[in-house]
Amino acid sequence: MNVQIDPHTLERIIERGATEDEIRDVIENGHPVSARHGRLAKAKVYDYKQERHGRYYEQKRVEVIYVVENDMVITVTAYVFYGRWE
């Protein structure tokens, strides 16, 4: 399935600390999570082991909200959470 990353999503991932490759990886290999308004979502945890805004984090969780139209995945937005998940 083709993936179209919306310009809004690109802006958000730059602000939030994710990459375009991670967005594609989450869509292809992440696990489904709940989303609202008839949208779909997937998430994946990555090792991070570095500082962000003066605090050290072991991992980051990237969550992508998207829709599917005509066999095309179109991203709506992406969130990045920092912390530790097991």
N, C-alpha and C. Protein backbone atom coordinates (compact mmCIF):
# COMPACT_ATOMS: atom_id res chain seq x y z
N MET A 1 0.84 -1.18 0.00
CA MET A 1 0.00 0.00 0.00
C MET A 1 0.89 1.24 0.00
N ASN A 2 0.54 2.22 -0.79
CA ASN A 2 1.30 3.46 -0.86
C ASN A 2 0.98 4.35 0.33
N VAL A 3 1.98 5.12 0.75
CA VAL A 3 1.82 6.03 1.89
C VAL A 3 2.07 7.45 1.41
N GLN A 4 1.10 8.32 1.71
CA GLN A 4 1.24 9.75 1.42
C GLN A 4 1.33 10.49 2.75
N ILE A 5 2.47 11.10 3.00
CA ILE A 5 2.64 11.84 4.25
C ILE A 5 2.21 13.28 4.01
N ASP A 6 1.16 13.68 4.69
CA ASP A 6 0.58 15.01 4.55
C ASP A 6 1.56 16.09 5.04
N PRO A 7 1.59 17.26 4.43
CA PRO A 7 2.47 18.34 4.88
C PRO A 7 2.28 18.69 6.36
N HIS A 8 1.06 18.62 6.85
CA HIS A 8 0.80 18.87 8.28
C HIS A 8 1.56 17.87 9.14
N THR A 9 1.54 16.61 8.73
CA THR A 9 2.25 15.57 9.48
C THR A 9 3.75 15.86 9.46
N LEU A 10 4.29 16.24 8.33
CA LEU A 10 5.72 16.56 8.25
C LEU A 10 6.10 17.69 9.20
N GLU A 11 5.28 18.72 9.28
CA GLU A 11 5.53 19.81 10.21
C GLU A 11 5.53 19.32 11.65
N ARG A 12 4.54 18.50 11.99
CA ARG A 12 4.43 18.00 13.36
C ARG A 12 5.60 17.09 13.74
N ILE A 13 6.05 16.22 12.82
CA ILE A 13 7.12 15.29 13.20
C ILE A 13 8.44 16.04 13.41
N ILE A 14 8.65 17.12 12.67
CA ILE A 14 9.85 17.92 12.89
C ILE A 14 9.80 18.53 14.29
N GLU A 15 8.66 19.08 14.67
CA GLU A 15 8.49 19.69 15.99
C GLU A 15 8.60 18.66 17.11
N ARG A 16 8.09 17.46 16.86
CA ARG A 16 7.93 16.46 17.91
C ARG A 16 9.05 15.44 17.99
N GLY A 17 9.97 15.45 17.02
CA GLY A 17 11.15 14.61 17.13
C GLY A 17 11.08 13.25 16.46
N ALA A 18 10.29 13.11 15.43
CA ALA A 18 10.24 11.85 14.67
C ALA A 18 10.78 12.11 13.26
N THR A 19 10.95 11.02 12.52
CA THR A 19 11.45 11.15 11.15
C THR A 19 10.42 10.58 10.18
N GLU A 20 10.59 10.92 8.93
CA GLU A 20 9.70 10.39 7.89
C GLU A 20 9.83 8.86 7.80
N ASP A 21 11.04 8.36 7.94
CA ASP A 21 11.24 6.90 7.92
C ASP A 21 10.50 6.22 9.07
N GLU A 22 10.50 6.85 10.25
CA GLU A 22 9.77 6.27 11.38
C GLU A 22 8.27 6.27 11.11
N ILE A 23 7.76 7.32 10.48
CA ILE A 23 6.33 7.37 10.16
C ILE A 23 5.95 6.21 9.26
N ARG A 24 6.75 5.97 8.23
CA ARG A 24 6.49 4.85 7.32
C ARG A 24 6.61 3.51 8.04
N ASP A 25 7.60 3.38 8.93
CA ASP A 25 7.79 2.15 9.68
C ASP A 25 6.61 1.89 10.61
N VAL A 26 6.11 2.91 11.26
CA VAL A 26 4.96 2.75 12.15
C VAL A 26 3.76 2.25 11.35
N ILE A 27 3.51 2.84 10.21
CA ILE A 27 2.37 2.43 9.39
C ILE A 27 2.52 0.98 8.93
N GLU A 28 3.72 0.59 8.55
CA GLU A 28 3.94 -0.76 8.04
C GLU A 28 4.07 -1.81 9.14
N ASN A 29 4.69 -1.45 10.28
CA ASN A 29 5.03 -2.46 11.29
C ASN A 29 4.51 -2.18 12.69
N GLY A 30 3.84 -1.05 12.89
CA GLY A 30 3.35 -0.71 14.22
C GLY A 30 2.13 -1.53 14.61
N HIS A 31 1.74 -1.40 15.87
CA HIS A 31 0.54 -2.11 16.33
C HIS A 31 -0.64 -1.13 16.37
N PRO A 32 -1.81 -1.62 16.02
CA PRO A 32 -3.00 -0.75 15.99
C PRO A 32 -3.34 -0.19 17.38
N VAL A 33 -3.73 1.07 17.40
CA VAL A 33 -4.22 1.71 18.62
C VAL A 33 -5.52 2.42 18.26
N SER A 34 -6.27 2.82 19.25
CA SER A 34 -7.57 3.44 18.98
C SER A 34 -7.39 4.86 18.46
N ALA A 35 -8.33 5.26 17.62
CA ALA A 35 -8.36 6.61 17.06
C ALA A 35 -9.82 7.05 16.99
N ARG A 36 -10.02 8.35 16.91
CA ARG A 36 -11.39 8.88 16.86
C ARG A 36 -11.77 9.32 15.46
N HIS A 37 -13.03 9.59 15.28
CA HIS A 37 -13.59 10.18 14.05
C HIS A 37 -13.38 9.28 12.83
N GLY A 38 -13.45 7.97 13.02
CA GLY A 38 -13.34 7.04 11.90
C GLY A 38 -11.94 6.91 11.32
N ARG A 39 -10.97 7.41 12.02
CA ARG A 39 -9.59 7.32 11.56
C ARG A 39 -8.93 6.06 12.12
N LEU A 40 -7.78 5.73 11.57
CA LEU A 40 -7.00 4.59 12.03
C LEU A 40 -5.73 5.13 12.69
N ALA A 41 -5.10 4.30 13.52
CA ALA A 41 -3.85 4.72 14.16
C ALA A 41 -3.00 3.50 14.46
N LYS A 42 -1.71 3.71 14.39
CA LYS A 42 -0.75 2.69 14.78
C LYS A 42 0.34 3.37 15.59
N ALA A 43 1.01 2.57 16.45
CA ALA A 43 2.08 3.09 17.28
C ALA A 43 3.23 2.10 17.34
N LYS A 44 4.40 2.63 17.63
CA LYS A 44 5.59 1.79 17.78
C LYS A 44 6.55 2.48 18.72
N VAL A 45 7.22 1.68 19.56
CA VAL A 45 8.20 2.21 20.51
C VAL A 45 9.60 2.00 19.94
N TYR A 46 10.40 3.04 20.02
CA TYR A 46 11.79 3.00 19.56
C TYR A 46 12.73 3.28 20.72
N ASP A 47 13.90 2.65 20.71
CA ASP A 47 14.94 3.03 21.66
C ASP A 47 15.39 4.44 21.31
N TYR A 48 15.58 5.27 22.32
CA TYR A 48 15.96 6.65 22.09
C TYR A 48 17.30 6.95 22.76
N LYS A 49 17.38 6.72 24.06
CA LYS A 49 18.60 6.84 24.86
C LYS A 49 19.39 8.12 24.59
N GLN A 50 18.68 9.22 24.68
CA GLN A 50 19.32 10.53 24.55
C GLN A 50 18.47 11.61 25.20
N GLU A 51 18.99 12.81 25.19
CA GLU A 51 18.28 13.92 25.81
C GLU A 51 17.40 14.63 24.79
N ARG A 52 16.30 15.15 25.31
CA ARG A 52 15.41 16.01 24.53
C ARG A 52 14.92 17.08 25.48
N HIS A 53 15.13 18.31 25.10
CA HIS A 53 14.74 19.46 25.93
C HIS A 53 15.28 19.33 27.36
N GLY A 54 16.54 18.91 27.47
CA GLY A 54 17.21 18.87 28.77
C GLY A 54 16.91 17.68 29.64
N ARG A 55 16.15 16.70 29.15
CA ARG A 55 15.84 15.50 29.93
C ARG A 55 16.23 14.27 29.14
N TYR A 56 16.72 13.25 29.84
CA TYR A 56 17.13 12.01 29.21
C TYR A 56 15.93 11.05 29.13
N TYR A 57 15.77 10.42 27.97
CA TYR A 57 14.69 9.46 27.77
C TYR A 57 15.23 8.16 27.19
N GLU A 58 14.77 7.06 27.72
CA GLU A 58 15.17 5.73 27.24
C GLU A 58 14.52 5.41 25.89
N GLN A 59 13.26 5.78 25.74
CA GLN A 59 12.51 5.39 24.55
C GLN A 59 11.62 6.54 24.08
N LYS A 60 11.14 6.39 22.85
CA LYS A 60 10.09 7.28 22.37
C LYS A 60 9.04 6.42 21.68
N ARG A 61 7.80 6.84 21.80
CA ARG A 61 6.67 6.14 21.18
C ARG A 61 6.10 7.04 20.10
N VAL A 62 6.11 6.54 18.88
CA VAL A 62 5.59 7.32 17.75
C VAL A 62 4.22 6.76 17.39
N GLU A 63 3.23 7.63 17.34
CA GLU A 63 1.86 7.24 17.02
C GLU A 63 1.42 8.03 15.78
N VAL A 64 0.94 7.32 14.79
CA VAL A 64 0.52 7.95 13.53
C VAL A 64 -0.98 7.77 13.34
N ILE A 65 -1.68 8.87 13.09
CA ILE A 65 -3.11 8.85 12.80
C ILE A 65 -3.24 8.98 11.29
N TYR A 66 -4.09 8.14 10.68
CA TYR A 66 -4.20 8.14 9.23
C TYR A 66 -5.57 7.66 8.76
N VAL A 67 -5.81 7.83 7.47
CA VAL A 67 -7.00 7.32 6.80
C VAL A 67 -6.53 6.53 5.59
N VAL A 68 -7.40 5.66 5.08
CA VAL A 68 -7.10 4.91 3.86
C VAL A 68 -8.13 5.29 2.82
N GLU A 69 -7.64 5.76 1.67
CA GLU A 69 -8.52 6.15 0.56
C GLU A 69 -7.96 5.55 -0.72
N ASN A 70 -8.77 4.74 -1.38
CA ASN A 70 -8.36 4.13 -2.66
C ASN A 70 -7.00 3.46 -2.59
N ASP A 71 -6.82 2.59 -1.61
CA ASP A 71 -5.56 1.87 -1.41
C ASP A 71 -4.36 2.78 -1.14
N MET A 72 -4.61 3.98 -0.65
CA MET A 72 -3.54 4.92 -0.30
C MET A 72 -3.70 5.28 1.18
N VAL A 73 -2.62 5.13 1.95
CA VAL A 73 -2.60 5.58 3.34
C VAL A 73 -2.23 7.05 3.32
N ILE A 74 -3.08 7.88 3.91
CA ILE A 74 -2.83 9.32 3.99
C ILE A 74 -2.75 9.70 5.46
N THR A 75 -1.61 10.22 5.86
CA THR A 75 -1.44 10.57 7.27
C THR A 75 -2.25 11.82 7.60
N VAL A 76 -2.72 11.87 8.83
CA VAL A 76 -3.44 13.03 9.34
C VAL A 76 -2.51 13.82 10.25
N THR A 77 -1.88 13.13 11.20
CA THR A 77 -0.91 13.74 12.11
C THR A 77 -0.10 12.64 12.76
N ALA A 78 0.88 13.04 13.54
CA ALA A 78 1.69 12.08 14.29
C ALA A 78 2.02 12.68 15.65
N TYR A 79 2.09 11.83 16.65
CA TYR A 79 2.45 12.23 18.01
C TYR A 79 3.69 11.46 18.42
N VAL A 80 4.51 12.10 19.25
CA VAL A 80 5.69 11.45 19.78
C VAL A 80 5.69 11.64 21.28
N PHE A 81 5.80 10.53 22.01
CA PHE A 81 5.82 10.55 23.47
C PHE A 81 7.17 10.02 23.92
N TYR A 82 7.71 10.62 24.95
CA TYR A 82 9.02 10.22 25.45
C TYR A 82 8.88 9.63 26.84
N GLY A 83 9.61 8.55 27.10
CA GLY A 83 9.55 7.90 28.40
C GLY A 83 10.13 6.51 28.32
N ARG A 84 9.44 5.56 28.95
CA ARG A 84 9.89 4.17 28.95
C ARG A 84 8.67 3.27 28.91
N TRP A 85 8.63 2.36 27.94
CA TRP A 85 7.57 1.39 27.82
C TRP A 85 8.18 0.00 27.86
N GLU A 86 7.44 -0.94 28.40
CA GLU A 86 7.96 -2.31 28.48
C GLU A 86 7.20 -3.24 27.58
